[in-house]
Protein backbone atom coordinates (compact mmCIF):
# COMPACT_ATOMS: atom_id res chain seq x y z
CA MET A 1 127.28 19.34 -35.65
CA ALA A 2 130.67 19.30 -33.91
CA GLU A 3 131.96 22.55 -32.52
CA LYS A 4 134.91 24.10 -34.31
CA VAL A 5 137.12 27.14 -33.98
CA THR A 6 136.42 29.89 -36.51
CA ASP A 7 138.20 33.16 -37.23
CA ILE A 8 135.68 35.96 -36.63
CA GLN A 9 135.93 39.68 -37.42
CA MET A 10 136.64 41.81 -34.35
CA ASP A 11 133.59 44.04 -34.88
CA LYS A 12 131.34 40.98 -34.77
CA LEU A 13 132.47 40.12 -31.24
CA VAL A 14 130.37 41.92 -28.61
CA GLY A 15 130.88 42.01 -24.85
CA PHE A 16 128.87 39.91 -22.45
CA ARG A 17 126.02 42.07 -21.19
CA ASN A 18 126.31 43.22 -17.58
CA HIS A 19 129.35 41.04 -17.00
CA PRO A 20 130.89 41.72 -13.58
CA PHE A 21 134.58 41.41 -14.46
CA GLN A 22 136.56 44.49 -15.43
CA VAL A 23 139.13 44.64 -18.20
CA LYS A 24 141.83 47.11 -17.19
CA ASP A 25 144.49 48.63 -19.37
CA ASP A 26 147.27 47.69 -16.98
CA GLU A 27 150.57 45.78 -16.81
CA ARG A 28 148.82 42.41 -17.02
CA LEU A 29 147.07 43.44 -20.24
CA ASN A 30 150.36 44.70 -21.65
CA ALA A 31 151.96 41.35 -20.80
CA LEU A 32 149.12 39.58 -22.62
CA CYS A 33 149.72 41.85 -25.63
CA GLU A 34 153.38 40.80 -25.68
CA SER A 35 152.41 37.13 -25.50
CA ILE A 36 149.92 37.46 -28.36
CA ARG A 37 152.45 39.44 -30.41
CA ASP A 38 155.05 36.69 -29.94
CA TYR A 39 152.93 33.54 -30.07
CA GLY A 40 149.46 34.52 -31.29
CA VAL A 41 146.19 33.77 -29.50
CA LEU A 42 146.95 30.35 -28.01
CA SER A 43 143.46 29.80 -26.55
CA PRO A 44 140.42 30.68 -28.66
CA LEU A 45 137.64 32.84 -27.27
CA LEU A 46 134.30 31.26 -26.42
CA ALA A 47 131.21 33.02 -27.78
CA ARG A 48 127.60 32.33 -28.60
CA PRO A 49 125.70 33.51 -31.69
CA THR A 50 123.20 36.35 -31.25
CA ALA A 51 119.99 37.07 -33.15
CA ASP A 52 121.53 40.03 -34.98
CA GLY A 53 124.37 38.00 -36.49
CA ASN A 54 127.02 38.93 -33.96
CA TYR A 55 128.75 36.79 -31.33
CA GLU A 56 128.52 37.48 -27.61
CA ILE A 57 131.80 36.75 -25.83
CA VAL A 58 131.38 34.37 -22.91
CA SER A 59 135.09 33.96 -22.21
CA GLY A 60 137.94 36.00 -23.65
CA HIS A 61 137.26 39.71 -23.05
CA ARG A 62 140.89 40.38 -22.05
CA ARG A 63 142.17 38.54 -25.11
CA LYS A 64 139.95 40.72 -27.31
CA ALA A 65 141.14 43.89 -25.54
CA ALA A 66 144.78 42.89 -26.07
CA ALA A 67 144.14 42.01 -29.72
CA MET A 68 142.48 45.39 -30.28
CA LYS A 69 145.56 47.15 -28.86
CA LEU A 70 147.65 45.19 -31.37
CA GLY A 71 145.39 46.19 -34.26
CA MET A 72 144.23 42.66 -35.08
CA GLU A 73 141.17 42.29 -37.28
CA LYS A 74 140.14 38.69 -36.51
CA LEU A 75 140.26 36.32 -33.55
CA PRO A 76 139.89 32.54 -33.25
CA VAL A 77 136.56 31.78 -31.58
CA LEU A 78 134.85 28.60 -30.46
CA VAL A 79 131.17 29.23 -31.21
CA ARG A 80 128.68 27.42 -29.01
CA LYS A 81 124.92 27.72 -28.70
CA MET A 82 123.83 28.16 -25.09
CA THR A 83 120.97 29.64 -23.07
CA ASP A 84 121.29 32.90 -21.15
CA ASP A 85 121.70 31.07 -17.85
CA GLU A 86 124.22 28.58 -19.24
CA ALA A 87 126.24 31.53 -20.56
CA VAL A 88 126.10 33.36 -17.22
CA ILE A 89 127.27 30.30 -15.27
CA LEU A 90 130.08 29.57 -17.71
CA ARG A 91 131.10 33.25 -17.74
CA VAL A 92 131.39 33.32 -13.95
CA ASP A 93 133.11 29.95 -13.69
CA SER A 94 135.75 30.89 -16.26
CA ASN A 95 136.75 34.05 -14.34
CA ILE A 96 136.00 33.58 -10.64
CA GLN A 97 139.36 31.91 -9.90
CA ARG A 98 141.35 34.84 -11.26
CA GLU A 99 143.81 36.44 -8.87
CA ASN A 100 143.20 39.90 -7.45
CA LEU A 101 139.47 40.02 -8.10
CA LEU A 102 137.88 43.18 -6.71
CA PRO A 103 135.16 42.81 -4.04
CA SER A 104 132.63 44.28 -6.49
CA GLU A 105 133.58 41.73 -9.15
CA LYS A 106 133.06 38.84 -6.74
CA ALA A 107 129.80 40.35 -5.48
CA TYR A 108 128.16 40.70 -8.88
CA ALA A 109 129.58 37.40 -10.14
CA TYR A 110 128.18 35.50 -7.16
CA LYS A 111 124.81 37.22 -7.59
CA MET A 112 124.61 36.50 -11.31
CA LYS A 113 125.48 32.84 -10.93
CA LEU A 114 123.11 32.29 -8.01
CA GLU A 115 120.20 33.87 -9.89
CA ALA A 116 121.00 31.79 -13.00
CA MET A 117 121.13 28.59 -10.92
CA LYS A 118 117.74 29.35 -9.36
CA ARG A 119 116.14 30.03 -12.76
CA ARG A 120 117.44 26.71 -14.06
CA VAL A 121 115.46 24.83 -11.41
CA GLY A 122 112.29 26.80 -12.13
CA ARG A 123 112.30 29.01 -9.06
CA PRO A 124 111.96 32.79 -9.03
CA ALA A 125 115.07 34.67 -7.91
CA LYS A 126 114.92 35.79 -4.28
CA GLU A 127 117.53 37.56 -2.21
CA ASN A 128 117.99 34.78 0.32
CA GLY A 129 118.83 32.11 -2.27
CA GLY A 130 116.82 29.56 -0.30
CA GLN A 131 115.12 27.71 -3.15
CA VAL A 132 115.73 23.97 -3.21
CA ASP A 133 117.53 22.73 -6.30
CA HIS A 134 115.89 19.37 -6.92
CA ASN A 135 118.76 18.29 -9.17
CA PHE A 136 120.99 18.29 -6.13
CA GLY A 137 118.55 18.05 -3.19
CA LYS A 138 120.17 21.19 -1.73
CA LYS A 139 119.48 24.88 -1.66
CA SER A 140 120.93 26.78 -4.60
CA ARG A 141 123.15 28.91 -2.37
CA ASP A 142 124.64 25.78 -0.78
CA VAL A 143 125.35 24.26 -4.20
CA LEU A 144 126.99 27.53 -5.24
CA ALA A 145 129.07 27.54 -2.05
CA GLU A 146 130.38 24.06 -2.88
CA ASP A 147 131.13 25.07 -6.47
CA LEU A 148 133.13 28.09 -5.36
CA SER A 149 134.73 26.58 -2.23
CA GLU A 150 133.24 29.40 -0.16
CA SER A 151 130.83 29.29 2.74
CA ALA A 152 127.20 30.12 1.97
CA ARG A 153 127.46 32.88 4.58
CA THR A 154 130.43 34.48 2.83
CA ILE A 155 128.63 34.38 -0.51
CA GLN A 156 125.58 36.04 1.04
CA ARG A 157 127.78 38.79 2.48
CA TYR A 158 129.48 39.42 -0.85
CA ILE A 159 126.12 39.64 -2.61
CA ARG A 160 125.08 42.29 -0.08
CA LEU A 161 127.75 44.56 -1.61
CA THR A 162 125.66 44.81 -4.78
CA TYR A 163 123.24 46.98 -2.78
CA LEU A 164 125.91 49.63 -2.22
CA GLN A 165 125.80 52.78 -4.32
CA LYS A 166 128.70 52.98 -6.78
CA PRO A 167 130.78 55.71 -5.06
CA ILE A 168 130.79 53.74 -1.81
CA LEU A 169 131.42 50.42 -3.58
CA ASP A 170 134.38 52.06 -5.37
CA LEU A 171 135.89 52.85 -1.95
CA VAL A 172 135.52 49.17 -1.02
CA ASP A 173 137.38 48.17 -4.20
CA GLU A 174 140.09 50.72 -3.40
CA GLY A 175 140.52 49.33 0.12
CA GLN A 176 139.38 52.52 1.82
CA ILE A 177 136.35 50.79 3.37
CA ALA A 178 136.83 47.30 4.79
CA PHE A 179 134.61 44.39 3.82
CA SER A 180 132.71 43.99 7.12
CA PRO A 181 131.58 47.65 7.51
CA ALA A 182 130.74 47.67 3.79
CA VAL A 183 128.32 44.77 4.30
CA GLU A 184 126.58 46.68 7.14
CA LEU A 185 126.36 49.85 5.03
CA SER A 186 124.63 47.89 2.26
CA TYR A 187 121.47 47.81 4.40
CA LEU A 188 121.14 51.61 4.28
CA THR A 189 118.65 53.04 1.81
CA LYS A 190 119.85 54.74 -1.38
CA LEU A 191 119.08 58.15 0.13
CA GLU A 192 120.92 57.32 3.36
CA GLN A 193 123.92 56.11 1.38
CA ALA A 194 123.90 59.33 -0.66
CA GLU A 195 123.85 61.38 2.55
CA LEU A 196 126.63 59.26 4.02
CA TRP A 197 128.72 59.73 0.88
CA ASP A 198 128.35 63.52 1.06
CA ILE A 199 129.47 63.51 4.71
CA MET A 200 132.41 61.19 4.00
CA GLN A 201 133.53 63.61 1.29
CA SER A 202 133.14 66.75 3.36
CA GLU A 203 134.72 65.28 6.51
CA ASP A 204 137.34 63.17 4.74
CA CYS A 205 136.50 60.01 6.69
CA THR A 206 135.17 56.50 6.28
CA PRO A 207 133.05 54.50 8.75
CA SER A 208 134.47 51.93 11.11
CA LEU A 209 132.63 48.64 11.70
CA SER A 210 131.00 49.90 14.92
CA GLN A 211 129.83 53.08 13.18
CA ALA A 212 128.43 51.10 10.25
CA VAL A 213 126.58 48.75 12.63
CA ARG A 214 124.99 51.68 14.47
CA MET A 215 123.89 53.32 11.22
CA LYS A 216 122.35 50.04 10.06
CA LYS A 217 120.37 49.74 13.31
CA LEU A 218 119.11 53.31 13.06
CA SER A 219 118.19 52.78 9.40
CA LYS A 220 116.18 49.70 10.30
CA ILE A 221 113.94 51.78 12.59
CA ALA A 222 113.85 54.74 10.18
CA GLN A 223 115.81 57.02 12.49
CA LEU A 224 119.00 57.50 10.47
CA THR A 225 118.73 61.20 9.71
CA PRO A 226 121.50 63.24 8.04
CA GLU A 227 122.17 64.78 11.46
CA MET A 228 122.64 61.32 13.01
CA ILE A 229 124.98 60.27 10.20
CA PHE A 230 127.03 63.42 10.74
CA ASP A 231 127.18 62.91 14.51
CA ILE A 232 128.31 59.29 14.11
CA MET A 233 130.89 60.08 11.44
CA SER A 234 132.25 63.07 13.41
CA GLU A 235 133.31 60.88 16.33
CA GLU A 236 137.03 60.67 16.94
CA LYS A 237 138.26 57.17 16.15
CA ALA A 238 140.89 55.58 18.33
CA ASN A 239 142.85 54.54 15.26
CA ARG A 240 142.43 57.74 13.28
CA LYS A 241 145.75 59.01 11.97
CA GLU A 242 146.87 62.33 10.56
CA ARG A 243 146.63 62.48 6.78
CA VAL A 244 148.16 64.57 4.04
CA ARG A 245 145.36 65.64 1.71
CA ILE A 246 146.10 65.90 -2.01
CA ASP A 247 143.33 66.14 -4.59
CA VAL A 248 143.35 63.00 -6.76
CA SER A 249 142.98 65.13 -9.90
CA GLN A 250 146.44 66.56 -9.21
CA LEU A 251 147.97 63.06 -9.23
CA ARG A 252 146.16 61.48 -12.19
CA LYS A 253 148.57 62.82 -14.82
CA TYR A 254 151.44 60.91 -13.21
CA PHE A 255 149.78 57.47 -13.25
CA PRO A 256 148.04 55.13 -15.74
CA LYS A 257 144.32 55.81 -16.13
CA SER A 258 143.51 52.36 -14.71
CA TYR A 259 145.16 53.11 -11.33
CA THR A 260 142.91 53.36 -8.28
CA THR A 261 143.65 55.85 -5.51
CA ALA A 262 144.96 52.98 -3.39
CA GLN A 263 147.42 51.99 -6.14
CA MET A 264 148.56 55.59 -6.51
CA GLU A 265 149.12 55.83 -2.75
CA LYS A 266 151.20 52.63 -2.73
CA SER A 267 153.30 53.86 -5.67
CA ILE A 268 153.99 57.20 -3.98
CA LEU A 269 154.96 55.53 -0.70
CA ARG A 270 157.23 53.10 -2.55
CA MET A 271 158.89 55.97 -4.42
CA LEU A 272 159.47 57.91 -1.18
CA GLU A 273 160.90 54.81 0.49
CA GLU A 274 163.32 54.29 -2.42
CA GLN A 275 164.41 57.93 -2.27
CA HIS A 276 164.96 57.64 1.48
CA LYS A 277 167.10 54.51 1.04
CA LYS A 278 169.14 56.22 -1.69
CA LYS A 279 169.79 59.24 0.54
CA GLN A 280 170.75 56.98 3.41
CA HIS A 281 173.11 55.02 1.15
CA ASN A 282 174.77 58.20 -0.13
CA LYS A 283 175.22 59.39 3.45
CA ASP A 284 176.82 56.08 4.48
CA VAL A 285 179.38 56.07 1.65
CA ARG A 286 180.61 59.61 2.28
């Protein structure tokens, strides 16, 4: 039977389980709302039927979120039967080229697609992605690298981020911890990461690459104690600058809920810069 687009009730459309891409209530979503209000949903969602009579969205989560904000009851959907792994691969492929993807989104997307590719060739999922895909004569991670126009090494490093505990991974997304030290920190145990997080909070600091490398080495030989973490994180960094500390909870009421701390910081700096320029202009015209 040929596939066709069908209007489906909103409450029958369920999100893709464990999908790595976030849907934020931000300016881009508002712009999509305006487009849908003016022109309707130009591109139908893609979904697959589920055993309970619903439809799992493979592509189109942002379109559904925008339609919900507009109070729509139905959406045009292309319904297609597909396996779990086919759905995962299509889900990743339809979103991975989006602009401004967070490091965590890339990390979990790469991991999901690599594991799905390995299952399709009948190999158990392993961290190193080294199984040979006999459909291509190459290792799965190398096929994935070609698909995504990334190096296999870069993909491996992104996947390492999925081993970070959420509070630390959030700092990576917010730009407070750089990619390279984040990869090194991913080798710390869950307990070590929890201890590191507590110290970062109490000392208001984040690890440099050299500090992260040293902690990884100590963790590997089971010598990364809370005292060692504190000693390493207490070191004066050559590039450490003075900071003004303001509790984030005091700023939240002035910004959209979707804003990260990094976005709030940029907005405040931009506002101060504009005020400074205005004062300078007023001084010049006197």
